[in-house]
């Protein structure tokens, strides 16, 4: 028979083993973690079904958990309403370098009907690391309950409206039926005319295409039009180049004309101009008289009258003079000796 002392030892060892197993079970099932962590505050208007102790994950890996959920009551600061709910999450220090200032915090679920958790999109690696006790604004999860409620309200309003306006809706459907029937009858009676109208529209479209093609060939792709445009371009360039000097010369000519007009407006200048005109008229008259006299002399000479006329018009005299010149050319001694 075992001694009482050994029985007590066995019972004590069994109790210690049970306590150890219970402690291990609590640690494993409770997610107790002895890794150092730092806190981040996350604001929501509605965090959905998140509860205290829900996991915080990055890329599906648990990096922390939600430690506290506080309702802030929507306080107003500087005229702006603050988010209604603030979460305090603990993230393990070893994952601190993965959370940046442009990280995105949002609520999602594991699978379709799994538990909800807070997910973190790390953000850009070139941005600073999010500091401890920083406050960030998260993306609110979709409100499926509100969507269902609004859809129910919409359906309820629709059914109520149809029930209250059943007679008017019946009349509207009756009128629509008559309209559709009348439209069908019209198409049945005028089917041939409508086909003819469609054919005419097709022909008009073809003629329009031919017209556009001809107009394009005559007025767009025509070499004469291109030459005209080139000439216009050259003329425009020449005007742009020579226009300013021509305008300057025109301005100078106008100024000179103004000065000349002002000079001619003087009575003394006008008297001088009149005298000059009279002198020119007198000279012209004298020149005319001299011309008449010269014409008479030439006419007199052509008739062979006078010494010069006889010398010019008498051929025999011309021949004698020519013979005399020839004789003197061959016998120059006759100038000095006379027989």
Protein backbone atom coordinates (compact mmCIF):
# COMPACT_ATOMS: atom_id res chain seq x y z
CA UNK A 1 0.00 0.00 0.00
CA UNK A 2 1.36 3.41 -1.02
CA UNK A 3 2.22 5.85 1.68
CA UNK A 4 0.18 9.07 2.11
CA UNK A 5 3.25 11.09 1.21
CA UNK A 6 3.58 9.58 -2.27
CA UNK A 7 -0.12 10.07 -2.97
CA UNK A 8 0.15 13.79 -2.15
CA UNK A 9 3.14 14.15 -4.46
CA UNK A 10 1.32 12.48 -7.31
CA UNK A 11 -1.77 14.63 -6.81
CA UNK A 12 0.38 17.79 -6.70
CA UNK A 13 2.19 16.82 -9.92
CA UNK A 14 -1.17 16.16 -11.61
CA UNK A 15 -2.49 19.54 -10.54
CA UNK A 16 0.66 21.30 -11.76
CA UNK A 17 0.44 19.49 -15.08
CA UNK A 18 -3.21 20.49 -15.47
CA UNK A 19 -2.42 24.13 -14.62
CA UNK A 20 0.43 24.13 -17.15
CA UNK A 21 -1.78 22.70 -19.86
CA UNK A 22 -4.50 25.22 -19.05
CA UNK A 23 -1.99 28.07 -19.18
CA UNK A 24 -0.62 26.87 -22.52
CA UNK A 25 -4.16 26.52 -23.88
CA UNK A 26 -4.99 30.07 -22.77
CA UNK A 27 -1.80 31.42 -24.37
CA UNK A 28 -2.38 29.60 -27.64
CA UNK A 29 -6.10 30.27 -27.94
CA UNK A 30 -5.90 33.84 -26.62
CA UNK A 31 -3.17 34.84 -29.03
CA UNK A 32 -0.95 36.14 -26.29
CA UNK A 33 2.28 37.45 -27.80
CA UNK A 34 5.38 38.49 -25.92
CA UNK A 35 6.88 40.44 -28.84
CA UNK A 36 7.42 44.19 -28.19
CA UNK A 37 4.77 46.35 -29.89
CA UNK A 38 3.90 50.01 -30.51
CA UNK A 39 0.48 51.70 -30.75
CA UNK A 40 -1.27 53.39 -33.70
CA UNK A 41 -4.66 55.16 -33.53
CA UNK A 42 -7.05 54.49 -36.43
CA UNK A 43 -10.22 56.57 -36.96
CA UNK A 44 -13.46 55.28 -38.51
CA UNK A 45 -16.97 56.56 -38.94
CA UNK A 46 -18.11 52.94 -38.79
CA UNK A 47 -15.60 50.09 -38.29
CA UNK A 48 -18.21 47.48 -39.17
CA UNK A 49 -18.03 44.32 -37.10
CA UNK A 50 -14.54 44.83 -35.71
CA UNK A 51 -14.17 43.84 -32.07
CA UNK A 52 -11.47 44.24 -29.47
CA UNK A 53 -8.85 41.56 -29.97
CA UNK A 54 -9.46 41.27 -33.74
CA UNK A 55 -6.22 40.68 -35.66
CA UNK A 56 -4.31 43.29 -37.64
CA UNK A 57 -2.71 41.89 -40.80
CA UNK A 58 -0.30 42.98 -43.53
CA UNK A 59 -0.47 40.90 -46.73
CA UNK A 60 -2.41 38.24 -44.84
CA UNK A 61 0.18 37.94 -42.04
CA UNK A 62 -0.87 38.83 -38.50
CA UNK A 63 1.27 41.71 -37.22
CA UNK A 64 -0.80 42.88 -34.27
CA UNK A 65 -4.30 43.19 -32.83
CA UNK A 66 -6.93 45.72 -31.84
CA UNK A 67 -6.49 46.69 -28.20
CA UNK A 68 -9.28 49.23 -27.74
CA UNK A 69 -12.36 50.62 -29.52
CA UNK A 70 -13.59 54.02 -28.27
CA UNK A 71 -16.67 55.96 -29.36
CA UNK A 72 -15.81 59.67 -29.63
CA UNK A 73 -19.31 61.04 -30.28
CA UNK A 74 -18.44 62.94 -33.48
CA UNK A 75 -16.88 65.99 -31.82
CA UNK A 76 -16.51 69.12 -33.97
CA UNK A 77 -13.08 70.75 -34.25
CA UNK A 78 -12.63 73.99 -36.24
CA UNK A 79 -16.02 73.45 -37.89
CA UNK A 80 -15.16 69.91 -39.03
CA UNK A 81 -16.81 66.83 -37.54
CA UNK A 82 -14.30 64.29 -36.29
CA UNK A 83 -14.67 60.54 -36.95
CA UNK A 84 -17.06 58.75 -34.63
CA UNK A 85 -14.85 55.81 -33.61
CA UNK A 86 -11.15 55.56 -32.77
CA UNK A 87 -9.27 52.26 -32.57
CA UNK A 88 -5.99 51.69 -30.78
CA UNK A 89 -4.01 48.91 -32.39
CA UNK A 90 -0.75 47.34 -31.27
CA UNK A 91 1.70 46.43 -34.05
CA UNK A 92 4.76 44.33 -33.34
CA UNK A 93 8.00 46.30 -33.50
CA UNK A 94 9.54 43.89 -35.96
CA UNK A 95 6.94 44.97 -38.57
CA UNK A 96 7.36 48.70 -37.93
CA UNK A 97 9.38 49.30 -41.13
CA UNK A 98 6.46 48.00 -43.24
CA UNK A 99 4.00 50.70 -42.15
CA UNK A 100 4.57 54.08 -43.85
CA UNK A 101 2.85 57.45 -43.70
CA UNK A 102 0.87 56.71 -46.88
CA UNK A 103 -0.28 53.27 -45.72
CA UNK A 104 -3.97 52.44 -46.19
CA UNK A 105 -6.03 50.97 -43.34
CA UNK A 106 -9.28 49.16 -44.16
CA UNK A 107 -11.62 46.46 -42.87
CA UNK A 108 -11.91 43.09 -44.63
CA UNK A 109 -12.87 39.51 -43.87
CA UNK A 110 -11.31 36.09 -44.05
CA UNK A 111 -13.26 34.46 -46.85
CA UNK A 112 -16.91 35.25 -47.55
CA UNK A 113 -18.32 34.69 -44.06
CA UNK A 114 -15.11 34.73 -42.01
CA UNK A 115 -14.26 37.03 -39.11
CA UNK A 116 -13.47 40.67 -39.85
CA UNK A 117 -9.98 42.04 -39.29
CA UNK A 118 -8.06 45.27 -39.91
CA UNK A 119 -5.80 45.12 -42.94
CA UNK A 120 -2.88 47.46 -43.68
CA UNK A 121 -1.62 48.25 -47.18
CA UNK A 122 2.08 49.08 -46.50
CA UNK A 123 2.38 52.04 -48.91
CA UNK A 124 5.49 53.35 -50.68
CA UNK A 125 8.90 52.39 -49.37
CA UNK A 126 10.25 55.87 -50.13
CA UNK A 127 7.87 57.42 -47.59
CA UNK A 128 8.76 57.80 -43.87
CA UNK A 129 7.82 55.11 -41.38
CA UNK A 130 4.63 55.82 -39.45
CA UNK A 131 5.55 57.09 -35.99
CA UNK A 132 4.32 55.58 -32.73
CA UNK A 133 0.97 56.92 -31.43
CA UNK A 134 0.26 58.44 -34.87
CA UNK A 135 -3.39 59.05 -35.82
CA UNK A 136 -4.51 57.88 -39.27
CA UNK A 137 -7.84 57.95 -41.12
CA UNK A 138 -9.01 54.56 -42.36
CA UNK A 139 -11.37 53.58 -45.15
CA UNK A 140 -14.86 52.82 -43.87
CA UNK A 141 -16.17 49.37 -44.87
CA UNK A 142 -19.24 49.17 -47.14
CA UNK A 143 -22.51 49.34 -45.18
CA UNK A 144 -24.36 46.30 -46.48
CA UNK A 145 -26.99 46.67 -43.77
CA UNK A 146 -27.66 50.28 -44.84
CA UNK A 147 -27.73 49.22 -48.49
CA UNK A 148 -30.30 46.51 -47.71
CA UNK A 149 -32.35 49.00 -45.68
CA UNK A 150 -32.32 51.56 -48.49
CA UNK A 151 -33.24 48.91 -51.05
CA UNK A 152 -36.10 47.78 -48.83
CA UNK A 153 -37.26 51.38 -48.47
CA UNK A 154 -37.06 51.85 -52.25
CA UNK A 155 -39.03 48.67 -52.93
CA UNK A 156 -41.59 49.59 -50.30
CA UNK A 157 -42.03 53.07 -51.82
CA UNK A 158 -42.33 51.57 -55.30
CA UNK A 159 -44.97 49.04 -54.25
CA UNK A 160 -46.92 51.71 -52.37
CA UNK A 161 -46.81 54.07 -55.36
CA UNK A 162 -48.00 51.32 -57.74
CA UNK A 163 -50.80 50.35 -55.35
CA UNK A 164 -51.97 53.96 -54.97
CA UNK A 165 -51.79 54.72 -58.72
CA UNK A 166 -53.02 51.40 -60.06
CA UNK A 167 -55.81 53.01 -62.11
CA UNK A 168 -53.53 55.64 -63.70
CA UNK A 169 -50.93 53.01 -64.49
CA UNK A 170 -53.62 50.87 -66.14
CA UNK A 171 -54.70 53.81 -68.28
CA UNK A 172 -51.09 54.51 -69.23
CA UNK A 173 -50.57 50.91 -70.32
CA UNK A 174 -53.83 51.01 -72.27
CA UNK A 175 -52.73 54.18 -74.09
CA UNK A 176 -49.33 52.65 -74.76
CA UNK A 177 -50.99 49.56 -76.20
CA UNK A 178 -53.14 51.68 -78.51
CA UNK A 179 -50.12 53.69 -79.61
CA UNK A 180 -48.13 50.56 -80.41
CA UNK A 181 -51.07 49.08 -82.27
CA UNK A 182 -51.59 52.29 -84.29
CA UNK A 183 -47.86 52.37 -85.10
CA UNK A 184 -48.00 48.77 -86.30
CA UNK A 185 -51.03 49.50 -88.49
CA UNK A 186 -49.32 52.55 -89.95
CA UNK A 187 -46.22 50.52 -90.88
CA UNK A 188 -48.39 47.78 -92.38
CA UNK A 189 -50.33 50.22 -94.57
CA UNK A 190 -47.33 52.30 -95.66
CA UNK A 191 -44.65 49.64 -95.90
CA UNK A 192 -44.06 50.20 -99.64
CA UNK A 193 -43.87 53.97 -99.24
CA UNK A 194 -41.40 53.61 -96.38
CA UNK A 195 -39.25 51.28 -98.50
CA UNK A 196 -39.35 53.82 -101.32
CA UNK A 197 -38.37 56.59 -98.92
CA UNK A 198 -35.45 54.48 -97.71
CA UNK A 199 -34.34 53.83 -101.31
CA UNK A 200 -34.57 57.56 -102.08
CA UNK A 201 -32.52 58.32 -99.00
CA UNK A 202 -29.86 55.86 -100.16
CA UNK A 203 -29.80 57.43 -103.64
CA UNK A 204 -29.54 60.92 -102.16
CA UNK A 205 -26.66 59.72 -100.01
CA UNK A 206 -24.90 58.27 -103.08
CA UNK A 207 -25.42 61.50 -105.05
CA UNK A 208 -24.12 63.46 -102.10
CA UNK A 209 -21.00 61.27 -102.03
CA UNK A 210 -20.45 61.85 -105.77
CA UNK A 211 -20.99 65.58 -105.28
CA UNK A 212 -18.52 65.72 -102.43
CA UNK A 213 -15.97 63.71 -104.46
CA UNK A 214 -16.36 66.02 -107.48
CA UNK A 215 -16.14 69.13 -105.33
CA UNK A 216 -13.06 67.77 -103.65
CA UNK A 217 -11.41 67.01 -107.00
CA UNK A 218 -12.29 70.43 -108.41
CA UNK A 219 -11.82 72.74 -105.46
CA UNK A 220 -9.50 70.88 -103.06
CA UNK A 221 -7.18 68.59 -105.02
CA UNK A 222 -6.92 70.95 -108.02
CA UNK A 223 -3.38 72.05 -109.08
CA UNK A 224 -4.77 75.45 -110.11
CA UNK A 225 -6.05 76.00 -106.56
CA UNK A 226 -2.62 75.01 -105.25
CA UNK A 227 -0.92 77.49 -107.61
CA UNK A 228 -3.35 80.22 -106.59
CA UNK A 229 -2.64 79.53 -102.94
CA UNK A 230 1.10 79.53 -103.61
CA UNK A 231 0.77 82.87 -105.43
CA UNK A 232 -1.27 84.25 -102.54
CA UNK A 233 1.38 83.05 -100.10
CA UNK A 234 4.19 84.65 -102.14
CA UNK A 235 2.19 87.87 -102.56
CA UNK A 236 1.50 87.97 -98.85
CA UNK A 237 5.17 87.38 -98.07
CA UNK A 238 6.22 90.12 -100.52
CA UNK A 239 3.72 92.55 -99.02
CA UNK A 240 4.90 91.68 -95.54
CA UNK A 241 8.50 92.29 -96.64
CA UNK A 242 8.07 95.38 -98.86
CA UNK A 243 5.00 96.87 -97.22
CA UNK A 244 6.71 98.82 -94.42
CA UNK A 245 9.22 100.60 -96.76
CA UNK A 246 6.40 101.45 -99.21
CA UNK A 247 4.30 102.84 -96.37
CA UNK A 248 7.25 104.91 -95.18
CA UNK A 249 7.78 106.29 -98.72
CA UNK A 250 4.06 107.01 -99.04
CA UNK A 251 4.05 108.89 -95.75
CA UNK A 252 7.07 110.92 -96.87
CA UNK A 253 5.41 111.67 -100.26
CA UNK A 254 2.22 112.81 -98.52
CA UNK A 255 4.27 115.05 -96.23
CA UNK A 256 6.10 116.56 -99.24
CA UNK A 257 2.76 117.05 -101.02
CA UNK A 258 1.39 118.85 -97.99
CA UNK A 259 4.44 121.14 -97.91
CA UNK A 260 4.15 121.79 -101.69
CA UNK A 261 0.43 122.55 -101.30
CA UNK A 262 1.18 124.95 -98.48
CA UNK A 263 3.84 126.65 -100.64
CA UNK A 264 1.56 126.92 -103.68
CA UNK A 265 -1.15 128.47 -101.56
CA UNK A 266 0.95 131.62 -101.14
CA UNK A 267 -0.30 134.50 -103.50
CA UNK A 268 3.28 135.46 -104.42
CA UNK A 269 4.06 131.87 -105.39
CA UNK A 270 0.86 131.70 -107.44
CA UNK A 271 1.88 134.92 -109.30
CA UNK A 272 5.28 133.45 -110.08
CA UNK A 273 3.67 130.25 -111.33
CA UNK A 274 1.30 132.26 -113.55
CA UNK A 275 4.23 134.25 -114.99
CA UNK A 276 6.12 131.03 -115.65
CA UNK A 277 3.10 129.54 -117.41
CA UNK A 278 2.79 132.66 -119.58
CA UNK A 279 6.49 132.47 -120.46
CA UNK A 280 6.15 128.82 -121.38
CA UNK A 281 3.14 129.65 -123.58
CA UNK A 282 5.09 132.43 -125.32
CA UNK A 283 8.08 130.15 -125.91
CA UNK A 284 5.74 127.45 -127.23
CA UNK A 285 4.16 129.95 -129.64
CA UNK A 286 7.58 131.05 -130.91
CA UNK A 287 8.73 127.47 -131.31
CA UNK A 288 5.58 126.73 -133.29
CA UNK A 289 6.26 129.73 -135.59
CA UNK A 290 9.88 128.62 -136.07
CA UNK A 291 8.68 125.12 -136.91
CA UNK A 292 6.31 126.50 -139.56
CA UNK A 293 9.16 128.54 -141.08
CA UNK A 294 11.47 125.51 -141.07
CA UNK A 295 8.78 123.44 -142.76
CA UNK A 296 8.42 126.15 -145.49
CA UNK A 297 12.19 126.23 -146.06
CA UNK A 298 12.35 122.45 -146.33
CA UNK A 299 9.42 122.47 -148.76
CA UNK A 300 11.17 125.19 -150.83
CA UNK A 301 14.37 123.11 -150.90
CA UNK A 302 12.50 119.95 -151.93
CA UNK A 303 11.09 121.83 -154.88
CA UNK A 304 14.68 122.66 -156.02
CA UNK A 305 14.30 126.37 -155.49
CA UNK A 306 17.17 128.47 -154.32
CA UNK A 307 20.86 127.63 -154.21
CA UNK A 308 20.57 124.99 -151.53
CA UNK A 309 17.49 123.50 -153.22
CA UNK A 310 19.20 123.32 -156.58
CA UNK A 311 22.29 121.82 -154.92
CA UNK A 312 20.27 119.17 -153.10
CA UNK A 313 17.58 118.32 -155.63
CA UNK A 314 19.44 118.70 -159.00
CA UNK A 315 20.92 115.28 -159.79
CA UNK A 316 23.06 116.59 -162.67
CA UNK A 317 24.70 119.10 -160.38
CA UNK A 318 25.30 116.33 -157.86
CA UNK A 319 26.91 114.14 -160.50
CA UNK A 320 29.15 117.03 -161.69
CA UNK A 321 30.30 117.71 -158.15
CA UNK A 322 30.97 114.03 -157.65
CA UNK A 323 32.99 113.93 -160.93
CA UNK A 324 34.90 117.03 -159.88
CA UNK A 325 35.74 115.48 -156.50
CA UNK A 326 36.91 112.28 -158.19
CA UNK A 327 39.10 114.27 -160.67
CA UNK A 328 40.69 116.32 -157.87
CA UNK A 329 41.34 113.15 -155.91
CA UNK A 330 43.31 111.68 -158.85
CA UNK A 331 44.89 114.97 -159.99
CA UNK A 332 45.49 117.07 -156.90
CA UNK A 333 48.02 119.28 -158.80
CA UNK A 334 45.08 121.00 -160.48
CA UNK A 335 44.56 122.98 -157.22
CA UNK A 336 47.86 124.71 -157.89
CA UNK A 337 48.08 124.80 -161.74
CA UNK A 338 45.60 126.12 -164.21
CA UNK A 339 45.87 125.57 -168.00
